[in-house]
Amino acid sequence: MSTSQPDASRPSEARAGDDRATPDDLLRARTGTEVSPEDLVLAAGRDVNERNLEWARRKLAEEGPAALDKLLP
């Protein structure tokens, strides 16, 4: 039985010139708003508890909002 789907092994005309990786500076998800310790804990995939919040506070004090940028794509 034949299907009308294009051959997945070949790139389409629309994607042929779009096979480059996106630069990291364009992948950042932070919106410029204030970063809280809770934001950092959640972005790291950790549970929100006092130990992890303290870790996040230290990380934010050392690196500022860039700490979140390092965790998010």
Protein backbone atom coordinates (compact mmCIF):
# COMPACT_ATOMS: atom_id res chain seq x y z
CA MET A 1 0.00 0.00 0.00
CA SER A 2 1.42 3.37 -0.99
CA THR A 3 1.35 6.50 1.18
CA SER A 4 1.49 10.12 0.11
CA GLN A 5 4.04 11.10 2.77
CA PRO A 6 7.38 12.45 1.53
CA ASP A 7 10.52 10.38 1.88
CA ALA A 8 11.82 11.09 5.42
CA SER A 9 15.40 10.25 4.46
CA ARG A 10 15.72 13.32 2.22
CA PRO A 11 15.37 16.91 3.49
CA SER A 12 12.52 18.91 2.01
CA GLU A 13 13.19 21.94 -0.15
CA ALA A 14 12.13 24.24 2.69
CA ARG A 15 14.56 22.69 5.19
CA ALA A 16 17.48 22.01 2.86
CA GLY A 17 19.18 25.34 3.63
CA ASP A 18 18.16 25.31 7.31
CA ASP A 19 20.41 22.52 8.61
CA ARG A 20 22.60 24.81 10.73
CA ALA A 21 22.59 24.75 14.53
CA THR A 22 21.06 27.75 16.28
CA PRO A 23 23.70 29.79 18.17
CA ASP A 24 23.46 29.58 21.97
CA ASP A 25 22.82 33.30 22.37
CA LEU A 26 19.56 32.89 20.43
CA LEU A 27 18.38 29.94 22.54
CA ARG A 28 18.14 31.76 25.84
CA ALA A 29 14.68 31.58 27.41
CA ARG A 30 14.94 34.22 30.14
CA THR A 31 12.62 37.17 29.59
CA GLY A 32 14.65 39.79 31.44
CA THR A 33 12.53 39.60 34.57
CA GLU A 34 13.95 39.16 38.06
CA VAL A 35 15.25 35.64 38.75
CA SER A 36 14.22 34.12 42.07
CA PRO A 37 15.93 31.27 43.90
CA GLU A 38 12.81 29.18 43.22
CA ASP A 39 13.25 29.78 39.48
CA LEU A 40 16.81 28.55 39.63
CA VAL A 41 15.92 25.45 41.68
CA LEU A 42 13.13 24.49 39.28
CA ALA A 43 15.29 25.12 36.19
CA ALA A 44 17.91 22.79 37.66
CA GLY A 45 15.28 20.07 38.04
CA ARG A 46 15.58 20.01 41.81
CA ASP A 47 12.91 19.91 44.50
CA VAL A 48 12.07 23.22 46.12
CA ASN A 49 13.34 22.77 49.67
CA GLU A 50 15.47 24.86 52.01
CA ARG A 51 18.74 23.15 51.08
CA ASN A 52 18.22 23.71 47.34
CA LEU A 53 16.97 27.25 47.89
CA GLU A 54 20.16 28.04 49.80
CA TRP A 55 22.19 26.59 46.91
CA ALA A 56 20.24 28.82 44.51
CA ARG A 57 20.75 31.92 46.67
CA ARG A 58 24.51 31.34 46.67
CA LYS A 59 24.55 30.71 42.94
CA LEU A 60 22.55 33.88 42.24
CA ALA A 61 24.82 35.90 44.54
CA GLU A 62 27.90 34.65 42.65
CA GLU A 63 26.62 34.66 39.06
CA GLY A 64 23.52 36.85 39.05
CA PRO A 65 20.74 36.13 36.55
CA ALA A 66 23.28 34.47 34.25
CA ALA A 67 23.04 31.44 36.55
CA LEU A 68 19.61 30.76 35.09
CA ASP A 69 20.84 31.33 31.54
CA LYS A 70 23.41 28.59 32.05
CA LEU A 71 20.69 26.10 32.97
CA LEU A 72 18.08 26.92 30.32
CA PRO A 73 18.43 26.45 26.62
